[in-house]
Amino acid sequence: MTFQKAVALSDLWSGEKIGILLDGKKVLLVNTEGKICAYEDRCGHQGVLLSEGRLNGCVLTCQAHYWEYDVSTGKGVNPAAVQLTAFAVKIENGEIFVDVNAPS
């Protein structure tokens, strides 16, 4: 695995999300109740950036057509048949690292 530093843990508070670029890939980082998850930053519907959507608890709603995802699992809420592409994450020394080449 090739983990890359994404952001400091202190830059992503609980209940927040951020879109970043790592190794040429758009990545969505989400902190829900202290759990850090990383996903490809694109809605399964038309590829709109999910980092521009609305986060309410664990549910992230795409701003374009209102598709919903549970960001603690990456599973679709509405529609339920979709799944976000997840990346491996690790936390070391107060930093968030993501491997965009390895699924979580």
PDB file of N, CA and C in Angstrom:
ATOM      1  N   MET A   1       0.830  -1.185   0.000  1.00  0.00           N
ATOM      2  CA  MET A   1       0.000   0.000   0.000  1.00  0.00           C
ATOM      3  C   MET A   1       0.872   1.245   0.000  1.00  0.00           C
ATOM      4  N   THR A   2       0.384   2.264  -0.683  1.00  0.00           N
ATOM      5  CA  THR A   2       1.094   3.526  -0.751  1.00  0.00           C
ATOM      6  C   THR A   2       0.205   4.619  -0.172  1.00  0.00           C
ATOM      7  N   PHE A   3       0.353   4.842   1.106  1.00  0.00           N
ATOM      8  CA  PHE A   3      -0.429   5.885   1.766  1.00  0.00           C
ATOM      9  C   PHE A   3       0.214   7.241   1.536  1.00  0.00           C
ATOM     10  N   GLN A   4      -0.641   8.242   1.325  1.00  0.00           N
ATOM     11  CA  GLN A   4      -0.187   9.616   1.140  1.00  0.00           C
ATOM     12  C   GLN A   4      -0.854  10.489   2.197  1.00  0.00           C
ATOM     13  N   LYS A   5      -0.110  11.464   2.685  1.00  0.00           N
ATOM     14  CA  LYS A   5      -0.685  12.388   3.652  1.00  0.00           C
ATOM     15  C   LYS A   5      -1.789  13.188   2.971  1.00  0.00           C
ATOM     16  N   ALA A   6      -2.953  13.213   3.618  1.00  0.00           N
ATOM     17  CA  ALA A   6      -4.095  13.944   3.081  1.00  0.00           C
ATOM     18  C   ALA A   6      -4.228  15.295   3.785  1.00  0.00           C
ATOM     19  N   VAL A   7      -4.590  15.273   5.061  1.00  0.00           N
ATOM     20  CA  VAL A   7      -4.739  16.479   5.873  1.00  0.00           C
ATOM     21  C   VAL A   7      -4.448  16.130   7.322  1.00  0.00           C
ATOM     22  N   ALA A   8      -4.264  17.155   8.134  1.00  0.00           N
ATOM     23  CA  ALA A   8      -4.127  16.944   9.573  1.00  0.00           C
ATOM     24  C   ALA A   8      -5.495  16.563  10.129  1.00  0.00           C
ATOM     25  N   LEU A   9      -5.508  15.668  11.088  1.00  0.00           N
ATOM     26  CA  LEU A   9      -6.749  15.250  11.724  1.00  0.00           C
ATOM     27  C   LEU A   9      -7.491  16.455  12.306  1.00  0.00           C
ATOM     28  N   SER A  10      -6.753  17.422  12.808  1.00  0.00           N
ATOM     29  CA  SER A  10      -7.366  18.617  13.402  1.00  0.00           C
ATOM     30  C   SER A  10      -8.049  19.508  12.366  1.00  0.00           C
ATOM     31  N   ASP A  11      -7.791  19.268  11.071  1.00  0.00           N
ATOM     32  CA  ASP A  11      -8.432  20.042  10.004  1.00  0.00           C
ATOM     33  C   ASP A  11      -9.766  19.447   9.551  1.00  0.00           C
ATOM     34  N   LEU A  12     -10.132  18.288  10.106  1.00  0.00           N
ATOM     35  CA  LEU A  12     -11.378  17.619   9.722  1.00  0.00           C
ATOM     36  C   LEU A  12     -12.136  17.245  10.989  1.00  0.00           C
ATOM     37  N   TRP A  13     -12.926  18.152  11.469  1.00  0.00           N
ATOM     38  CA  TRP A  13     -13.663  17.947  12.717  1.00  0.00           C
ATOM     39  C   TRP A  13     -14.806  16.963  12.520  1.00  0.00           C
ATOM     40  N   SER A  14     -15.286  16.422  13.609  1.00  0.00           N
ATOM     41  CA  SER A  14     -16.432  15.519  13.575  1.00  0.00           C
ATOM     42  C   SER A  14     -17.624  16.236  12.945  1.00  0.00           C
ATOM     43  N   GLY A  15     -18.272  15.574  11.997  1.00  0.00           N
ATOM     44  CA  GLY A  15     -19.408  16.160  11.300  1.00  0.00           C
ATOM     45  C   GLY A  15     -19.021  16.964  10.081  1.00  0.00           C
ATOM     46  N   GLU A  16     -17.749  16.937   9.711  1.00  0.00           N
ATOM     47  CA  GLU A  16     -17.280  17.697   8.554  1.00  0.00           C
ATOM     48  C   GLU A  16     -16.841  16.784   7.416  1.00  0.00           C
ATOM     49  N   LYS A  17     -16.782  17.381   6.226  1.00  0.00           N
ATOM     50  CA  LYS A  17     -16.289  16.701   5.027  1.00  0.00           C
ATOM     51  C   LYS A  17     -15.417  17.678   4.267  1.00  0.00           C
ATOM     52  N   ILE A  18     -14.530  17.128   3.444  1.00  0.00           N
ATOM     53  CA  ILE A  18     -13.650  17.967   2.633  1.00  0.00           C
ATOM     54  C   ILE A  18     -13.296  17.201   1.364  1.00  0.00           C
ATOM     55  N   GLY A  19     -13.166  17.923   0.272  1.00  0.00           N
ATOM     56  CA  GLY A  19     -12.721  17.333  -0.981  1.00  0.00           C
ATOM     57  C   GLY A  19     -11.279  17.722  -1.228  1.00  0.00           C
ATOM     58  N   ILE A  20     -10.440  16.739  -1.558  1.00  0.00           N
ATOM     59  CA  ILE A  20      -9.025  16.988  -1.821  1.00  0.00           C
ATOM     60  C   ILE A  20      -8.608  16.228  -3.081  1.00  0.00           C
ATOM     61  N   LEU A  21      -7.421  16.531  -3.559  1.00  0.00           N
ATOM     62  CA  LEU A  21      -6.852  15.840  -4.711  1.00  0.00           C
ATOM     63  C   LEU A  21      -5.606  15.094  -4.252  1.00  0.00           C
ATOM     64  N   LEU A  22      -5.576  13.784  -4.463  1.00  0.00           N
ATOM     65  CA  LEU A  22      -4.422  12.956  -4.117  1.00  0.00           C
ATOM     66  C   LEU A  22      -4.048  12.096  -5.315  1.00  0.00           C
ATOM     67  N   ASP A  23      -2.822  12.201  -5.743  1.00  0.00           N
ATOM     68  CA  ASP A  23      -2.326  11.382  -6.845  1.00  0.00           C
ATOM     69  C   ASP A  23      -3.234  11.491  -8.075  1.00  0.00           C
ATOM     70  N   GLY A  24      -3.751  12.699  -8.315  1.00  0.00           N
ATOM     71  CA  GLY A  24      -4.603  12.936  -9.465  1.00  0.00           C
ATOM     72  C   GLY A  24      -6.041  12.474  -9.314  1.00  0.00           C
ATOM     73  N   LYS A  25      -6.412  11.992  -8.132  1.00  0.00           N
ATOM     74  CA  LYS A  25      -7.775  11.509  -7.903  1.00  0.00           C
ATOM     75  C   LYS A  25      -8.495  12.423  -6.916  1.00  0.00           C
ATOM     76  N   LYS A  26      -9.762  12.693  -7.209  1.00  0.00           N
ATOM     77  CA  LYS A  26     -10.590  13.494  -6.312  1.00  0.00           C
ATOM     78  C   LYS A  26     -11.075  12.603  -5.184  1.00  0.00           C
ATOM     79  N   VAL A  27     -10.783  13.033  -3.949  1.00  0.00           N
ATOM     80  CA  VAL A  27     -11.071  12.242  -2.759  1.00  0.00           C
ATOM     81  C   VAL A  27     -11.972  13.033  -1.825  1.00  0.00           C
ATOM     82  N   LEU A  28     -12.974  12.367  -1.296  1.00  0.00           N
ATOM     83  CA  LEU A  28     -13.858  12.921  -0.283  1.00  0.00           C
ATOM     84  C   LEU A  28     -13.450  12.336   1.053  1.00  0.00           C
ATOM     85  N   LEU A  29     -13.086  13.196   2.003  1.00  0.00           N
ATOM     86  CA  LEU A  29     -12.798  12.771   3.369  1.00  0.00           C
ATOM     87  C   LEU A  29     -13.959  13.186   4.252  1.00  0.00           C
ATOM     88  N   VAL A  30     -14.397  12.277   5.115  1.00  0.00           N
ATOM     89  CA  VAL A  30     -15.527  12.546   5.997  1.00  0.00           C
ATOM     90  C   VAL A  30     -15.178  12.076   7.399  1.00  0.00           C
ATOM     91  N   ASN A  31     -15.560  12.892   8.388  1.00  0.00           N
ATOM     92  CA  ASN A  31     -15.389  12.528   9.794  1.00  0.00           C
ATOM     93  C   ASN A  31     -16.781  12.463  10.413  1.00  0.00           C
ATOM     94  N   THR A  32     -17.228  11.257  10.707  1.00  0.00           N
ATOM     95  CA  THR A  32     -18.515  11.080  11.363  1.00  0.00           C
ATOM     96  C   THR A  32     -18.277  10.398  12.700  1.00  0.00           C
ATOM     97  N   GLU A  33     -18.527  11.161  13.762  1.00  0.00           N
ATOM     98  CA  GLU A  33     -18.389  10.654  15.132  1.00  0.00           C
ATOM     99  C   GLU A  33     -16.996  10.076  15.373  1.00  0.00           C
ATOM    100  N   GLY A  34     -15.979  10.731  14.819  1.00  0.00           N
ATOM    101  CA  GLY A  34     -14.604  10.304  15.025  1.00  0.00           C
ATOM    102  C   GLY A  34     -14.114   9.236  14.068  1.00  0.00           C
ATOM    103  N   LYS A  35     -14.979   8.729  13.216  1.00  0.00           N
ATOM    104  CA  LYS A  35     -14.581   7.736  12.214  1.00  0.00           C
ATOM    105  C   LYS A  35     -14.249   8.469  10.917  1.00  0.00           C
ATOM    106  N   ILE A  36     -13.030   8.285  10.423  1.00  0.00           N
ATOM    107  CA  ILE A  36     -12.590   8.928   9.187  1.00  0.00           C
ATOM    108  C   ILE A  36     -12.747   7.942   8.035  1.00  0.00           C
ATOM    109  N   CYS A  37     -13.446   8.387   6.995  1.00  0.00           N
ATOM    110  CA  CYS A  37     -13.627   7.574   5.796  1.00  0.00           C
ATOM    111  C   CYS A  37     -13.183   8.380   4.583  1.00  0.00           C
ATOM    112  N   ALA A  38     -12.689   7.674   3.573  1.00  0.00           N
ATOM    113  CA  ALA A  38     -12.274   8.309   2.322  1.00  0.00           C
ATOM    114  C   ALA A  38     -12.957   7.592   1.170  1.00  0.00           C
ATOM    115  N   TYR A  39     -13.518   8.392   0.273  1.00  0.00           N
ATOM    116  CA  TYR A  39     -14.228   7.858  -0.884  1.00  0.00           C
ATOM    117  C   TYR A  39     -13.830   8.645  -2.130  1.00  0.00           C
ATOM    118  N   GLU A  40     -14.079   8.048  -3.282  1.00  0.00           N
ATOM    119  CA  GLU A  40     -13.948   8.799  -4.517  1.00  0.00           C
ATOM    120  C   GLU A  40     -14.981   9.927  -4.461  1.00  0.00           C
ATOM    121  N   ASP A  41     -14.547  11.138  -4.774  1.00  0.00           N
ATOM    122  CA  ASP A  41     -15.415  12.315  -4.645  1.00  0.00           C
ATOM    123  C   ASP A  41     -16.274  12.482  -5.897  1.00  0.00           C
ATOM    124  N   ARG A  42     -17.217  11.546  -6.048  1.00  0.00           N
ATOM    125  CA  ARG A  42     -18.136  11.633  -7.188  1.00  0.00           C
ATOM    126  C   ARG A  42     -19.395  10.843  -6.875  1.00  0.00           C
ATOM    127  N   CYS A  43     -20.507  11.440  -7.242  1.00  0.00           N
ATOM    128  CA  CYS A  43     -21.799  10.773  -7.090  1.00  0.00           C
ATOM    129  C   CYS A  43     -21.919   9.686  -8.157  1.00  0.00           C
ATOM    130  N   GLY A  44     -22.526   8.579  -7.781  1.00  0.00           N
ATOM    131  CA  GLY A  44     -22.723   7.477  -8.718  1.00  0.00           C
ATOM    132  C   GLY A  44     -23.700   7.789  -9.833  1.00  0.00           C
ATOM    133  N   HIS A  45     -24.418   8.868  -9.710  1.00  0.00           N
ATOM    134  CA  HIS A  45     -25.421   9.212 -10.712  1.00  0.00           C
ATOM    135  C   HIS A  45     -24.801   9.894 -11.932  1.00  0.00           C
ATOM    136  N   GLN A  46     -24.207  11.082 -11.715  1.00  0.00           N
ATOM    137  CA  GLN A  46     -23.627  11.802 -12.846  1.00  0.00           C
ATOM    138  C   GLN A  46     -22.238  12.341 -12.545  1.00  0.00           C
ATOM    139  N   GLY A  47     -21.602  11.818 -11.532  1.00  0.00           N
ATOM    140  CA  GLY A  47     -20.225  12.197 -11.251  1.00  0.00           C
ATOM    141  C   GLY A  47     -20.037  13.545 -10.579  1.00  0.00           C
ATOM    142  N   VAL A  48     -21.110  14.141 -10.077  1.00  0.00           N
ATOM    143  CA  VAL A  48     -21.014  15.431  -9.388  1.00  0.00           C
ATOM    144  C   VAL A  48     -20.188  15.262  -8.113  1.00  0.00           C
ATOM    145  N   LEU A  49     -19.413  16.290  -7.751  1.00  0.00           N
ATOM    146  CA  LEU A  49     -18.588  16.227  -6.549  1.00  0.00           C
ATOM    147  C   LEU A  49     -19.458  16.129  -5.302  1.00  0.00           C
ATOM    148  N   LEU A  50     -19.286  15.049  -4.545  1.00  0.00           N
ATOM    149  CA  LEU A  50     -20.038  14.883  -3.304  1.00  0.00           C
ATOM    150  C   LEU A  50     -19.557  15.828  -2.213  1.00  0.00           C
ATOM    151  N   SER A  51     -18.325  16.306  -2.335  1.00  0.00           N
ATOM    152  CA  SER A  51     -17.807  17.250  -1.339  1.00  0.00           C
ATOM    153  C   SER A  51     -18.591  18.563  -1.369  1.00  0.00           C
ATOM    154  N   GLU A  52     -19.358  18.793  -2.423  1.00  0.00           N
ATOM    155  CA  GLU A  52     -20.196  19.985  -2.521  1.00  0.00           C
ATOM    156  C   GLU A  52     -21.617  19.727  -2.039  1.00  0.00           C
ATOM    157  N   GLY A  53     -21.878  18.490  -1.584  1.00  0.00           N
ATOM    158  CA  GLY A  53     -23.206  18.126  -1.106  1.00  0.00           C
ATOM    159  C   GLY A  53     -23.424  18.544   0.344  1.00  0.00           C
ATOM    160  N   ARG A  54     -24.539  18.088   0.908  1.00  0.00           N
ATOM    161  CA  ARG A  54     -24.926  18.436   2.276  1.00  0.00           C
ATOM    162  C   ARG A  54     -24.792  17.211   3.173  1.00  0.00           C
ATOM    163  N   LEU A  55     -24.060  17.374   4.277  1.00  0.00           N
ATOM    164  CA  LEU A  55     -23.864  16.294   5.244  1.00  0.00           C
ATOM    165  C   LEU A  55     -24.752  16.551   6.450  1.00  0.00           C
ATOM    166  N   ASN A  56     -25.593  15.558   6.767  1.00  0.00           N
ATOM    167  CA  ASN A  56     -26.471  15.630   7.929  1.00  0.00           C
ATOM    168  C   ASN A  56     -26.302  14.334   8.704  1.00  0.00           C
ATOM    169  N   GLY A  57     -25.509  14.379   9.770  1.00  0.00           N
ATOM    170  CA  GLY A  57     -25.175  13.154  10.490  1.00  0.00           C
ATOM    171  C   GLY A  57     -24.296  12.288   9.612  1.00  0.00           C
ATOM    172  N   CYS A  58     -24.761  11.088   9.326  1.00  0.00           N
ATOM    173  CA  CYS A  58     -24.010  10.170   8.457  1.00  0.00           C
ATOM    174  C   CYS A  58     -24.522  10.168   7.020  1.00  0.00           C
ATOM    175  N   VAL A  59     -25.543  10.965   6.740  1.00  0.00           N
ATOM    176  CA  VAL A  59     -26.130  10.970   5.398  1.00  0.00           C
ATOM    177  C   VAL A  59     -25.623  12.169   4.601  1.00  0.00           C
ATOM    178  N   LEU A  60     -25.008  11.858   3.470  1.00  0.00           N
ATOM    179  CA  LEU A  60     -24.510  12.882   2.556  1.00  0.00           C
ATOM    180  C   LEU A  60     -25.436  12.907   1.343  1.00  0.00           C
ATOM    181  N   THR A  61     -25.961  14.095   1.037  1.00  0.00           N
ATOM    182  CA  THR A  61     -26.880  14.269  -0.076  1.00  0.00           C
ATOM    183  C   THR A  61     -26.182  15.024  -1.201  1.00  0.00           C
ATOM    184  N   CYS A  62     -26.178  14.434  -2.392  1.00  0.00           N
ATOM    185  CA  CYS A  62     -25.598  15.082  -3.561  1.00  0.00           C
ATOM    186  C   CYS A  62     -26.397  16.336  -3.880  1.00  0.00           C
ATOM    187  N   GLN A  63     -25.692  17.413  -4.156  1.00  0.00           N
ATOM    188  CA  GLN A  63     -26.351  18.694  -4.393  1.00  0.00           C
ATOM    189  C   GLN A  63     -27.052  18.770  -5.747  1.00  0.00           C
ATOM    190  N   ALA A  64     -26.747  17.883  -6.661  1.00  0.00           N
ATOM    191  CA  ALA A  64     -27.340  17.965  -7.997  1.00  0.00           C
ATOM    192  C   ALA A  64     -28.719  17.307  -8.081  1.00  0.00           C
ATOM    193  N   HIS A  65     -28.807  16.042  -7.703  1.00  0.00           N
ATOM    194  CA  HIS A  65     -30.062  15.306  -7.881  1.00  0.00           C
ATOM    195  C   HIS A  65     -30.501  14.596  -6.603  1.00  0.00           C
ATOM    196  N   TYR A  66     -29.873  14.958  -5.497  1.00  0.00           N
ATOM    197  CA  TYR A  66     -30.297  14.521  -4.158  1.00  0.00           C
ATOM    198  C   TYR A  66     -30.156  13.029  -3.882  1.00  0.00           C
ATOM    199  N   TRP A  67     -29.233  12.367  -4.575  1.00  0.00           N
ATOM    200  CA  TRP A  67     -28.927  10.990  -4.192  1.00  0.00           C
ATOM    201  C   TRP A  67     -28.298  11.044  -2.807  1.00  0.00           C
ATOM    202  N   GLU A  68     -28.569  10.034  -1.979  1.00  0.00           N
ATOM    203  CA  GLU A  68     -28.089  10.022  -0.601  1.00  0.00           C
ATOM    204  C   GLU A  68     -27.205   8.810  -0.332  1.00  0.00           C
ATOM    205  N   TYR A  69     -26.170   9.046   0.477  1.00  0.00           N
ATOM    206  CA  TYR A  69     -25.211   7.999   0.839  1.00  0.00           C
ATOM    207  C   TYR A  69     -24.983   8.005   2.344  1.00  0.00           C
ATOM    208  N   ASP A  70     -24.812   6.823   2.921  1.00  0.00           N
ATOM    209  CA  ASP A  70     -24.393   6.707   4.312  1.00  0.00           C
ATOM    210  C   ASP A  70     -22.866   6.729   4.301  1.00  0.00           C
ATOM    211  N   VAL A  71     -22.271   7.826   4.765  1.00  0.00           N
ATOM    212  CA  VAL A  71     -20.821   7.967   4.658  1.00  0.00           C
ATOM    213  C   VAL A  71     -20.060   7.142   5.690  1.00  0.00           C
ATOM    214  N   SER A  72     -20.759   6.529   6.630  1.00  0.00           N
ATOM    215  CA  SER A  72     -20.052   5.639   7.555  1.00  0.00           C
ATOM    216  C   SER A  72     -19.793   4.279   6.912  1.00  0.00           C
ATOM    217  N   THR A  73     -20.567   3.955   5.846  1.00  0.00           N
ATOM    218  CA  THR A  73     -20.417   2.669   5.162  1.00  0.00           C
ATOM    219  C   THR A  73     -20.160   2.813   3.661  1.00  0.00           C
ATOM    220  N   GLY A  74     -20.540   3.953   3.088  1.00  0.00           N
ATOM    221  CA  GLY A  74     -20.428   4.160   1.647  1.00  0.00           C
ATOM    222  C   GLY A  74     -21.630   3.644   0.872  1.00  0.00           C
ATOM    223  N   LYS A  75     -22.576   3.027   1.566  1.00  0.00           N
ATOM    224  CA  LYS A  75     -23.748   2.458   0.900  1.00  0.00           C
ATOM    225  C   LYS A  75     -24.771   3.531   0.572  1.00  0.00           C
ATOM    226  N   GLY A  76     -25.471   3.302  -0.518  1.00  0.00           N
ATOM    227  CA  GLY A  76     -26.528   4.208  -0.913  1.00  0.00           C
ATOM    228  C   GLY A  76     -27.710   4.120   0.032  1.00  0.00           C
ATOM    229  N   VAL A  77     -28.317   5.258   0.292  1.00  0.00           N
ATOM    230  CA  VAL A  77     -29.556   5.327   1.068  1.00  0.00           C
ATOM    231  C   VAL A  77     -30.720   5.455   0.093  1.00  0.00           C
ATOM    232  N   ASN A  78     -30.563   6.355  -0.873  1.00  0.00           N
ATOM    233  CA  ASN A  78     -31.584   6.572  -1.890  1.00  0.00           C
ATOM    234  C   ASN A  78     -30.890   6.981  -3.185  1.00  0.00           C
ATOM    235  N   PRO A  79     -30.713   6.073  -4.116  1.00  0.00           N
ATOM    236  CA  PRO A  79     -31.169   4.688  -4.133  1.00  0.00           C
ATOM    237  C   PRO A  79     -30.230   3.762  -3.345  1.00  0.00           C
ATOM    238  N   ALA A  80     -30.778   2.686  -2.867  1.00  0.00           N
ATOM    239  CA  ALA A  80     -30.026   1.755  -2.021  1.00  0.00           C
ATOM    240  C   ALA A  80     -29.042   0.887  -2.805  1.00  0.00           C
ATOM    241  N   ALA A  81     -29.192   0.809  -4.114  1.00  0.00           N
ATOM    242  CA  ALA A  81     -28.367  -0.091  -4.922  1.00  0.00           C
ATOM    243  C   ALA A  81     -26.983   0.460  -5.255  1.00  0.00           C
ATOM    244  N   VAL A  82     -26.675   1.698  -4.855  1.00  0.00           N
ATOM    245  CA  VAL A  82     -25.370   2.283  -5.192  1.00  0.00           C
ATOM    246  C   VAL A  82     -24.383   2.131  -4.039  1.00  0.00           C
ATOM    247  N   GLN A  83     -23.105   2.235  -4.358  1.00  0.00           N
ATOM    248  CA  GLN A  83     -22.043   2.103  -3.365  1.00  0.00           C
ATOM    249  C   GLN A  83     -20.899   3.030  -3.753  1.00  0.00           C
ATOM    250  N   LEU A  84     -20.417   3.816  -2.802  1.00  0.00           N
ATOM    251  CA  LEU A  84     -19.272   4.679  -3.057  1.00  0.00           C
ATOM    252  C   LEU A  84     -17.993   3.843  -3.126  1.00  0.00           C
ATOM    253  N   THR A  85     -17.038   4.286  -3.925  1.00  0.00           N
ATOM    254  CA  THR A  85     -15.734   3.642  -3.975  1.00  0.00           C
ATOM    255  C   THR A  85     -14.916   4.160  -2.799  1.00  0.00           C
ATOM    256  N   ALA A  86     -14.563   3.247  -1.904  1.00  0.00           N
ATOM    257  CA  ALA A  86     -13.844   3.619  -0.680  1.00  0.00           C
ATOM    258  C   ALA A  86     -12.350   3.388  -0.841  1.00  0.00           C
ATOM    259  N   PHE A  87     -11.560   4.217  -0.151  1.00  0.00           N
ATOM    260  CA  PHE A  87     -10.111   4.081  -0.134  1.00  0.00           C
ATOM    261  C   PHE A  87      -9.648   3.767   1.285  1.00  0.00           C
ATOM    262  N   ALA A  88      -8.521   3.074   1.386  1.00  0.00           N
ATOM    263  CA  ALA A  88      -7.943   2.743   2.686  1.00  0.00           C
ATOM    264  C   ALA A  88      -7.461   4.014   3.383  1.00  0.00           C
ATOM    265  N   VAL A  89      -7.688   4.071   4.703  1.00  0.00           N
ATOM    266  CA  VAL A  89      -7.327   5.229   5.522  1.00  0.00           C
ATOM    267  C   VAL A  89      -6.556   4.757   6.732  1.00  0.00           C
ATOM    268  N   LYS A  90      -5.581   5.558   7.156  1.00  0.00           N
ATOM    269  CA  LYS A  90      -4.926   5.325   8.441  1.00  0.00           C
ATOM    270  C   LYS A  90      -4.600   6.675   9.064  1.00  0.00           C
ATOM    271  N   ILE A  91      -4.550   6.676  10.388  1.00  0.00           N
ATOM    272  CA  ILE A  91      -4.239   7.880  11.150  1.00  0.00           C
ATOM    273  C   ILE A  91      -2.926   7.620  11.886  1.00  0.00           C
ATOM    274  N   GLU A  92      -1.972   8.521  11.708  1.00  0.00           N
ATOM    275  CA  GLU A  92      -0.683   8.422  12.396  1.00  0.00           C
ATOM    276  C   GLU A  92      -0.220   9.803  12.812  1.00  0.00           C
ATOM    277  N   ASN A  93       0.167   9.936  14.070  1.00  0.00           N
ATOM    278  CA  ASN A  93       0.729  11.196  14.574  1.00  0.00           C
ATOM    279  C   ASN A  93      -0.137  12.404  14.242  1.00  0.00           C
ATOM    280  N   GLY A  94      -1.458  12.248  14.367  1.00  0.00           N
ATOM    281  CA  GLY A  94      -2.359  13.357  14.133  1.00  0.00           C
ATOM    282  C   GLY A  94      -2.567  13.721  12.669  1.00  0.00           C
ATOM    283  N   GLU A  95      -2.179  12.838  11.762  1.00  0.00           N
ATOM    284  CA  GLU A  95      -2.322  13.073  10.324  1.00  0.00           C
ATOM    285  C   GLU A  95      -3.186  11.975   9.709  1.00  0.00           C
ATOM    286  N   ILE A  96      -3.968  12.345   8.706  1.00  0.00           N
ATOM    287  CA  ILE A  96      -4.790  11.387   7.964  1.00  0.00           C
ATOM    288  C   ILE A  96      -4.049  11.015   6.686  1.00  0.00           C
ATOM    289  N   PHE A  97      -3.883   9.719   6.475  1.00  0.00           N
ATOM    290  CA  PHE A  97      -3.239   9.191   5.277  1.00  0.00           C
ATOM    291  C   PHE A  97      -4.250   8.354   4.498  1.00  0.00           C
ATOM    292  N   VAL A  98      -4.201   8.458   3.168  1.00  0.00           N
ATOM    293  CA  VAL A  98      -5.136   7.723   2.298  1.00  0.00           C
ATOM    294  C   VAL A  98      -4.331   7.037   1.211  1.00  0.00           C
ATOM    295  N   ASP A  99      -4.740   5.809   0.903  1.00  0.00           N
ATOM    296  CA  ASP A  99      -4.170   5.089  -0.235  1.00  0.00           C
ATOM    297  C   ASP A  99      -5.235   5.033  -1.325  1.00  0.00           C
ATOM    298  N   VAL A 100      -5.090   5.862  -2.342  1.00  0.00           N
ATOM    299  CA  VAL A 100      -6.095   5.940  -3.407  1.00  0.00           C
ATOM    300  C   VAL A 100      -6.005   4.764  -4.378  1.00  0.00           C
ATOM    301  N   ASN A 101      -5.006   3.925  -4.206  1.00  0.00           N
ATOM    302  CA  ASN A 101      -4.859   2.766  -5.079  1.00  0.00           C
ATOM    303  C   ASN A 101      -5.310   1.477  -4.411  1.00  0.00           C
ATOM    304  N   ALA A 102      -5.783   1.572  -3.166  1.00  0.00           N
ATOM    305  CA  ALA A 102      -6.216   0.376  -2.448  1.00  0.00           C
ATOM    306  C   ALA A 102      -7.612   0.585  -1.884  1.00  0.00           C
ATOM    307  N   PRO A 103      -8.515  -0.326  -2.205  1.00  0.00           N
ATOM    308  CA  PRO A 103      -9.847  -0.214  -1.600  1.00  0.00           C
ATOM    309  C   PRO A 103      -9.761  -0.490  -0.105  1.00  0.00           C
ATOM    310  N   SER A 104     -10.681   0.095   0.631  1.00  0.00           N
ATOM    311  CA  SER A 104     -10.677  -0.138   2.082  1.00  0.00           C
ATOM    312  C   SER A 104     -11.301  -1.459   2.425  1.00  0.00           C
TER     313      SER A 104
END
